[in-house]
Amino acid sequence: MQGKSCTDAATDINYEPALETMRIAAEIESRYMELTRLEELILFCKKMKFEKIGIAFCIGLSAEARIVHRILARDFEVHSVCCKAGGTDKGDLGLVKIRDPKSHETMCNPLGQASVLNAAGTELNIILGLCIGHDILFTEHSDAPVTTLAVKDRVLAHNPLGAVYSRYYLTNVFGGVSSE
């Protein structure tokens, strides 16, 4: 079965610079339902011959980041940086605070995270639970390619597709959107 282009723009792409990444990704994809995302990530990094891996993580996922760091450190030089890097108070930039507006509340710093990992010379950066918007800024400012291991969803245990799989959410939150 051949693929079908949904747009003419898809036919005007120069795939040559991305061919090695696409080859390795297809090779890993061919092992369908054999590996977890973390196992795929490790295999991908090995096949790409990456040596330095970065982890940009949310402070709320510190324990998970520590475990992922330890797992990756068996095969790679790993640099991890927390979202609160720099310790800047939200008030210094006029940002909304979650708690007492008069107390110090450290802002998330995706640009700082990118800067730390850029300085470390990472070859691939992994997002682990960064907030919406912060993940976008981190990706935009990262010198290395970025992949996401986990996205933040405080309500659904970091599984945002849970809302798509839930009849309750489809009916009551999203106004009766059909799952069919």
Protein backbone atom coordinates (compact mmCIF):
# COMPACT_ATOMS: atom_id res chain seq x y z
CA MET A 1 0.00 0.00 0.00
CA GLN A 2 1.41 3.40 -0.95
CA GLY A 3 1.15 6.50 1.18
CA LYS A 4 -0.97 9.35 -0.04
CA SER A 5 0.11 12.97 0.09
CA CYS A 6 -2.52 15.15 1.72
CA THR A 7 -0.90 18.30 0.40
CA ASP A 8 1.33 19.33 -2.48
CA ALA A 9 3.77 20.87 0.01
CA ALA A 10 4.72 17.39 1.26
CA THR A 11 6.25 16.54 -2.11
CA ASP A 12 8.69 19.47 -2.14
CA ILE A 13 10.76 18.38 0.87
CA ASN A 14 14.49 17.70 0.74
CA TYR A 15 14.81 14.61 2.94
CA GLU A 16 18.56 14.22 2.47
CA PRO A 17 19.69 16.01 5.68
CA ALA A 18 17.25 13.97 7.78
CA LEU A 19 17.75 10.62 6.07
CA GLU A 20 19.95 9.01 8.75
CA THR A 21 17.55 9.99 11.55
CA MET A 22 14.61 8.76 9.47
CA ARG A 23 16.39 5.46 8.74
CA ILE A 24 17.09 4.81 12.43
CA ALA A 25 13.58 5.90 13.45
CA ALA A 26 12.06 3.51 10.89
CA GLU A 27 14.30 0.70 12.11
CA ILE A 28 13.12 1.24 15.68
CA GLU A 29 9.51 1.62 14.56
CA SER A 30 9.77 -1.77 12.83
CA ARG A 31 10.13 -3.34 16.30
CA TYR A 32 6.50 -2.44 16.89
CA MET A 33 5.19 -3.27 20.39
CA GLU A 34 8.54 -4.67 21.57
CA LEU A 35 10.08 -1.69 23.38
CA THR A 36 8.91 0.98 25.79
CA ARG A 37 9.45 4.61 24.85
CA LEU A 38 12.43 4.75 27.23
CA GLU A 39 13.97 1.65 25.63
CA GLU A 40 13.38 3.16 22.18
CA LEU A 41 15.06 6.37 23.32
CA ILE A 42 18.16 4.50 24.50
CA LEU A 43 18.34 2.47 21.30
CA PHE A 44 17.87 5.58 19.17
CA CYS A 45 20.68 7.41 21.00
CA LYS A 46 23.03 4.45 20.60
CA LYS A 47 22.29 4.06 16.89
CA MET A 48 22.74 7.83 16.37
CA LYS A 49 26.06 7.53 18.24
CA PHE A 50 25.08 10.25 20.70
CA GLU A 51 27.35 10.51 23.71
CA LYS A 52 25.95 13.53 25.58
CA ILE A 53 22.26 13.56 26.49
CA GLY A 54 20.41 16.36 28.25
CA ILE A 55 17.30 16.16 30.42
CA ALA A 56 15.20 19.27 30.99
CA PHE A 57 12.77 18.35 33.74
CA CYS A 58 10.00 19.81 35.86
CA ILE A 59 10.69 20.01 39.59
CA GLY A 60 7.43 18.09 40.12
CA LEU A 61 9.02 15.14 38.31
CA SER A 62 12.37 15.26 40.12
CA ALA A 63 12.13 11.66 41.33
CA GLU A 64 11.31 10.40 37.82
CA ALA A 65 14.10 12.54 36.33
CA ARG A 66 16.58 11.08 38.82
CA ILE A 67 15.63 7.54 37.76
CA VAL A 68 15.76 8.35 34.03
CA HIS A 69 19.14 10.07 34.56
CA ARG A 70 20.52 6.95 36.28
CA ILE A 71 19.24 4.67 33.53
CA LEU A 72 20.69 6.83 30.74
CA ALA A 73 23.98 7.34 32.62
CA ARG A 74 24.74 3.65 32.16
CA ASP A 75 25.41 4.35 28.47
CA PHE A 76 25.76 8.13 28.07
CA GLU A 77 27.12 11.29 29.65
CA VAL A 78 23.94 12.84 31.02
CA HIS A 79 23.32 16.47 31.99
CA SER A 80 20.08 17.23 33.84
CA VAL A 81 18.64 20.63 34.63
CA CYS A 82 15.57 21.48 36.69
CA CYS A 83 12.96 23.98 35.53
CA LYS A 84 13.71 26.28 38.48
CA ALA A 85 17.32 26.85 37.33
CA GLY A 86 18.45 30.37 38.17
CA GLY A 87 16.10 30.93 41.10
CA THR A 88 14.50 34.06 39.60
CA ASP A 89 11.38 35.26 41.41
CA LYS A 90 8.25 35.40 39.25
CA GLY A 91 7.62 38.89 40.59
CA ASP A 92 10.85 40.14 38.96
CA LEU A 93 9.22 39.59 35.56
CA GLY A 94 5.65 40.39 36.55
CA LEU A 95 4.51 36.76 36.29
CA VAL A 96 1.45 35.40 38.11
CA LYS A 97 2.27 33.54 41.32
CA ILE A 98 0.52 30.38 42.47
CA ARG A 99 0.93 31.12 46.18
CA ASP A 100 1.28 34.31 48.23
CA PRO A 101 2.00 37.21 45.85
CA LYS A 102 4.31 38.76 48.47
CA SER A 103 6.54 35.70 48.93
CA HIS A 104 9.41 34.54 46.71
CA GLU A 105 8.22 32.05 44.10
CA THR A 106 10.83 30.80 41.67
CA MET A 107 9.76 30.88 38.05
CA CYS A 108 10.25 28.07 35.58
CA ASN A 109 13.15 28.93 33.31
CA PRO A 110 13.08 27.00 30.01
CA LEU A 111 15.53 29.43 28.41
CA GLY A 112 17.92 28.85 31.31
CA GLN A 113 17.51 25.09 30.94
CA ALA A 114 18.32 25.33 27.24
CA SER A 115 21.32 27.54 27.99
CA VAL A 116 22.73 25.05 30.53
CA LEU A 117 22.35 22.10 28.15
CA ASN A 118 23.69 24.12 25.20
CA ALA A 119 26.79 24.97 27.26
CA ALA A 120 27.21 21.27 28.10
CA GLY A 121 27.21 20.45 24.38
CA THR A 122 24.42 17.88 24.53
CA GLU A 123 23.60 16.10 21.29
CA LEU A 124 19.97 15.30 22.17
CA ASN A 125 17.76 16.87 24.82
CA ILE A 126 14.84 15.16 26.50
CA ILE A 127 11.85 16.98 27.93
CA LEU A 128 10.46 15.41 31.07
CA GLY A 129 7.24 17.08 32.18
CA LEU A 130 7.81 20.72 31.28
CA CYS A 131 4.72 22.94 31.41
CA ILE A 132 2.88 23.85 28.23
CA GLY A 133 4.62 26.86 26.75
CA HIS A 134 7.83 26.14 28.64
CA ASP A 135 8.30 23.03 26.49
CA ILE A 136 7.87 25.19 23.39
CA LEU A 137 10.40 27.76 24.58
CA PHE A 138 12.89 25.09 25.60
CA THR A 139 12.62 23.41 22.19
CA GLU A 140 12.98 26.73 20.40
CA HIS A 141 16.16 27.65 22.31
CA SER A 142 17.84 24.23 22.43
CA ASP A 143 20.83 23.86 20.11
CA ALA A 144 20.37 20.08 20.09
CA PRO A 145 17.31 18.24 18.75
CA VAL A 146 14.60 17.68 21.37
CA THR A 147 12.33 14.73 22.12
CA THR A 148 9.66 14.39 24.78
CA LEU A 149 9.66 11.47 27.18
CA ALA A 150 6.69 12.71 29.23
CA VAL A 151 4.41 15.70 29.07
CA LYS A 152 2.90 17.35 32.10
CA ASP A 153 -0.71 16.60 32.88
CA ARG A 154 -1.27 17.00 36.60
CA VAL A 155 -4.88 15.83 36.40
CA LEU A 156 -4.32 12.65 34.37
CA ALA A 157 -1.02 11.36 35.85
CA HIS A 158 0.99 12.82 32.94
CA ASN A 159 -1.11 10.95 30.39
CA PRO A 160 -2.85 13.67 28.35
CA LEU A 161 -4.42 11.13 25.99
CA GLY A 162 -6.45 9.93 28.97
CA ALA A 163 -8.86 12.77 28.15
CA VAL A 164 -9.27 11.41 24.61
CA TYR A 165 -9.85 7.86 25.89
CA SER A 166 -12.31 8.96 28.60
CA ARG A 167 -16.03 8.98 27.79
CA TYR A 168 -16.49 11.37 30.76
CA TYR A 169 -14.10 13.98 29.35
CA LEU A 170 -15.41 13.65 25.81
CA THR A 171 -19.00 14.07 26.97
CA ASN A 172 -18.79 16.49 29.89
CA VAL A 173 -15.66 18.55 29.33
CA PHE A 174 -15.41 18.65 25.54
CA GLY A 175 -19.14 18.97 24.80
CA GLY A 176 -20.02 15.54 23.49
CA VAL A 177 -17.18 14.98 21.03
CA SER A 178 -17.52 11.47 19.65
CA SER A 179 -14.74 8.92 20.01
CA GLU A 180 -15.83 7.32 16.73
